[in-house]
Protein backbone atom coordinates (compact mmCIF):
# COMPACT_ATOMS: atom_id res chain seq x y z
CA MET A 1 64.04 185.93 124.72
CA SER A 2 65.42 188.54 122.36
CA LYS A 3 68.41 189.31 124.58
CA LEU A 4 69.23 185.61 124.90
CA VAL A 5 68.95 184.98 121.16
CA GLU A 6 71.06 188.03 120.37
CA GLY A 7 73.60 186.96 122.98
CA THR A 8 74.04 183.53 121.42
CA ARG A 9 75.30 185.25 118.26
CA ASP A 10 78.05 186.92 120.24
CA LEU A 11 79.25 183.89 122.17
CA ASP A 12 83.01 183.45 122.07
CA VAL A 13 83.32 180.31 119.96
CA GLU A 14 86.98 180.00 120.95
CA MET A 15 85.84 179.46 124.53
CA PHE A 16 84.00 176.33 123.40
CA ARG A 17 86.88 174.88 121.40
CA GLY A 18 88.37 173.65 124.66
CA LEU A 19 85.19 171.63 125.14
CA ALA A 20 85.60 169.82 121.83
CA PRO A 21 86.35 166.07 121.84
CA PRO A 22 90.03 165.03 121.94
CA ASP A 23 91.58 164.20 118.58
CA HIS A 24 91.61 160.46 119.32
CA VAL A 25 87.90 160.31 120.24
CA ILE A 26 85.09 159.81 117.75
CA ALA A 27 82.19 161.65 119.35
CA ARG A 28 78.56 160.82 118.65
CA ASP A 29 76.20 163.63 117.66
CA ALA A 30 73.40 164.52 120.07
CA ALA A 31 71.11 167.47 120.69
CA VAL A 32 69.12 168.87 123.58
CA LEU A 33 66.11 171.17 123.54
CA VAL A 34 66.45 174.28 125.72
CA LEU A 35 62.74 175.09 125.67
CA LEU A 36 61.70 178.40 127.22
CA GLY A 37 58.07 179.36 127.67
CA GLU A 38 55.87 181.77 129.58
CA GLY A 39 54.42 179.92 132.55
CA PRO A 40 52.14 180.99 135.40
CA ASP A 41 55.20 182.17 137.35
CA GLY A 42 56.93 183.92 134.47
CA PRO A 43 59.50 182.60 131.99
CA ASP A 44 60.38 178.98 132.58
CA VAL A 45 62.43 176.11 131.15
CA LEU A 46 61.46 172.48 130.58
CA LEU A 47 63.56 169.91 132.44
CA LEU A 48 63.20 166.21 133.10
CA LEU A 49 64.34 163.88 135.87
CA ARG A 50 65.83 160.66 134.58
CA SER A 51 64.68 157.37 136.07
CA ASP A 52 66.74 155.82 138.89
CA ALA A 53 66.59 152.54 136.94
CA LEU A 54 68.65 153.77 134.00
CA GLY A 55 72.14 152.40 133.47
CA SER A 56 73.70 155.84 132.87
CA HIS A 57 72.94 159.29 134.30
CA ALA A 58 70.32 157.67 136.56
CA GLY A 59 68.40 160.13 138.71
CA GLN A 60 69.94 163.16 137.05
CA VAL A 61 68.16 166.22 135.73
CA ALA A 62 68.49 166.93 132.03
CA PHE A 63 67.11 168.86 129.12
CA PRO A 64 64.99 166.75 126.76
CA GLY A 65 67.26 165.33 124.09
CA GLY A 66 69.47 162.49 122.99
CA LYS A 67 71.54 160.99 120.23
CA ALA A 68 70.94 161.67 116.56
CA ASP A 69 69.10 158.99 114.60
CA GLU A 70 69.43 158.29 110.91
CA GLY A 71 66.97 160.48 109.04
CA ASP A 72 66.91 163.23 111.67
CA ASP A 73 67.19 166.81 110.48
CA PHE A 74 70.06 167.28 112.93
CA PRO A 75 70.23 169.03 115.31
CA ILE A 76 66.76 170.60 115.41
CA GLY A 77 64.96 167.47 114.28
CA THR A 78 66.82 165.38 116.85
CA ALA A 79 66.00 167.74 119.72
CA LEU A 80 62.31 167.95 118.80
CA ARG A 81 61.95 164.20 118.26
CA GLU A 82 63.58 163.34 121.56
CA ALA A 83 61.54 165.95 123.43
CA ALA A 84 58.33 164.51 122.02
CA GLU A 85 59.38 160.94 122.92
CA GLU A 86 60.44 161.85 126.46
CA THR A 87 57.99 164.55 127.54
CA GLY A 88 55.14 164.57 125.04
CA VAL A 89 56.05 168.04 123.75
CA LEU A 90 54.14 168.85 120.57
CA PRO A 91 56.72 170.02 118.00
CA GLY A 92 54.13 172.23 116.30
CA GLY A 93 54.01 174.43 119.38
CA VAL A 94 57.77 174.97 119.45
CA LEU A 95 59.75 177.59 117.53
CA PRO A 96 63.52 176.91 117.33
CA VAL A 97 65.29 180.26 117.45
CA ALA A 98 69.04 179.61 117.78
CA LEU A 99 71.75 176.98 117.94
CA MET A 100 74.42 177.17 120.62
CA PRO A 101 77.97 175.83 120.18
CA ALA A 102 78.28 172.06 120.51
CA LEU A 103 79.66 170.83 123.84
CA TYR A 104 81.53 167.58 124.38
CA VAL A 105 80.40 165.35 127.28
CA PRO A 106 83.33 163.03 128.12
CA VAL A 107 81.28 160.55 130.19
CA SER A 108 79.01 159.63 127.27
CA LYS A 109 81.31 160.72 124.41
CA PHE A 110 78.49 162.79 122.94
CA LEU A 111 79.02 166.09 121.13
CA VAL A 112 75.83 167.87 122.19
CA THR A 113 74.28 170.76 120.28
CA PRO A 114 71.84 172.82 122.39
CA VAL A 115 68.80 173.97 120.41
CA LEU A 116 67.30 177.11 121.92
CA ALA A 117 63.55 177.31 121.35
CA TYR A 118 60.46 179.32 122.28
CA TRP A 119 57.37 177.43 123.44
CA HIS A 120 54.76 179.65 121.79
CA THR A 121 51.89 177.18 122.27
CA PRO A 122 52.51 175.13 125.42
CA ALA A 123 50.61 171.88 125.92
CA PRO A 124 50.61 169.46 128.86
CA VAL A 125 53.79 167.42 129.23
CA ARG A 126 54.46 164.20 131.12
CA ALA A 127 56.95 161.42 131.66
CA VAL A 128 56.08 159.40 128.55
CA ASP A 129 58.08 156.31 129.54
CA PRO A 130 58.50 155.95 133.33
CA ALA A 131 61.31 153.46 132.72
CA GLU A 132 63.36 156.33 131.31
CA THR A 133 61.87 159.50 132.79
CA ALA A 134 60.74 159.84 136.40
CA ALA A 135 59.30 163.35 136.15
CA VAL A 136 58.93 166.37 133.88
CA ALA A 137 58.79 169.93 135.18
CA ARG A 138 58.64 173.53 134.02
CA ILE A 139 61.04 175.38 136.31
CA PRO A 140 60.69 179.20 136.50
CA LEU A 141 63.88 181.05 135.57
CA ASP A 142 63.35 183.29 138.63
CA HIS A 143 63.64 180.19 140.82
CA LEU A 144 66.87 179.12 139.15
CA ALA A 145 68.32 182.64 139.33
CA ASN A 146 67.46 183.01 143.03
CA PRO A 147 70.79 182.98 144.93
CA ALA A 148 69.16 180.82 147.62
CA ASN A 149 68.87 178.02 145.04
CA ARG A 150 72.41 178.27 143.64
CA PHE A 151 75.69 176.80 144.86
CA MET A 152 78.64 174.75 143.67
CA VAL A 153 78.98 170.96 143.99
CA ARG A 154 82.12 168.86 144.24
CA HIS A 155 82.11 165.42 142.59
CA PRO A 156 84.19 162.62 144.20
CA SER A 157 86.46 162.82 141.14
CA GLY A 158 87.41 166.36 142.17
CA PHE A 159 85.27 168.09 139.53
CA THR A 160 83.58 171.23 140.87
CA GLY A 161 80.79 172.97 138.99
CA PRO A 162 77.59 175.00 139.38
CA ALA A 163 74.37 173.51 140.69
CA PHE A 164 70.76 174.48 141.24
CA SER A 165 68.19 173.31 143.74
CA ALA A 166 64.69 172.80 142.34
CA PRO A 167 61.68 171.06 143.91
CA GLY A 168 62.71 167.42 144.24
CA MET A 169 65.67 167.93 141.92
CA LEU A 170 69.38 168.69 142.02
CA VAL A 171 70.55 170.20 138.75
CA TRP A 172 74.30 169.80 138.19
CA GLY A 173 76.85 168.77 135.57
CA PHE A 174 76.23 169.52 131.90
CA THR A 175 72.66 170.71 132.48
CA ALA A 176 73.65 173.15 135.23
CA ALA A 177 76.55 174.49 133.18
CA LEU A 178 74.27 175.16 130.23
CA LEU A 179 71.60 176.75 132.44
CA THR A 180 74.28 178.99 133.94
CA LEU A 181 75.16 180.18 130.45
CA VAL A 182 71.49 180.73 129.53
CA LEU A 183 70.86 182.82 132.65
CA ALA A 184 73.99 184.90 132.11
CA VAL A 185 73.49 185.55 128.40
CA GLY A 186 69.75 186.17 128.79
CA GLY A 187 70.27 188.75 131.52
CA TRP A 188 68.45 186.80 134.24
CA GLU A 189 71.48 186.08 136.43
CA VAL A 190 71.90 187.88 139.76
CA PRO A 191 74.95 187.71 142.03
CA TRP A 192 75.23 184.47 144.02
CA ASP A 193 77.75 182.85 146.35
CA THR A 194 80.18 180.87 144.20
CA THR A 195 82.22 180.05 147.33
CA ASP A 196 79.38 177.87 148.66
CA VAL A 197 80.78 174.45 147.68
CA ARG A 198 78.86 171.33 148.75
CA GLU A 199 79.73 167.67 148.36
CA LEU A 200 77.64 166.16 145.57
CA ASP A 201 76.22 163.28 147.61
CA VAL A 202 75.16 165.64 150.42
CA ALA A 203 73.53 168.08 147.99
CA TRP A 204 71.80 165.20 146.19
CA ARG A 205 70.30 163.75 149.37
CA SER A 206 69.00 167.16 150.40
CA THR A 207 66.78 167.34 147.31
CA ARG A 208 65.45 163.78 147.41
CA PRO A 209 62.15 163.00 149.11
CA GLU A 210 62.33 161.09 152.36
CA GLU A 211 62.21 157.34 151.82
């Protein structure tokens, strides 16, 4: 992870200023845990699939994380607490190594700080509350970097952004954008076809199990 950690120090902060909340919006603080470990198939990242029953972001893939609570040691404390509540991650086995610039998510009005961490002592993880989390998975970075699993998706609103195909999951939106940055800065990215643009609903159905 040394290249990734070093790269986060050289990120162009000005590039992220355009992703700050508008002046008239009061954003809520949140944090996500970008947890990288050494799995059986090489370096991997912990992701979760949100429950289809949720009122917002239902069925979407995300990093563990959420809004800051009073008393949190924000942002690291928030990211670790949320990860433990959602996936059963044991904070004692996690070493936070860097903070990435905060990113504004207009849909939820959250200003999200990614906490980059190394999983030095992995332990089993699970969907702690099935009402909120449908599944938890460690996805190898080699799988995400594979050009066969990368493409662009177009939202009905007209938004177009990067996406990844993972077993039973479509990773897009904020999570895919952040993963794209992690792969690029960490030196794992390989050339892929950015002209392959798929409609979001079509891409989503292709990753869902048959009913």
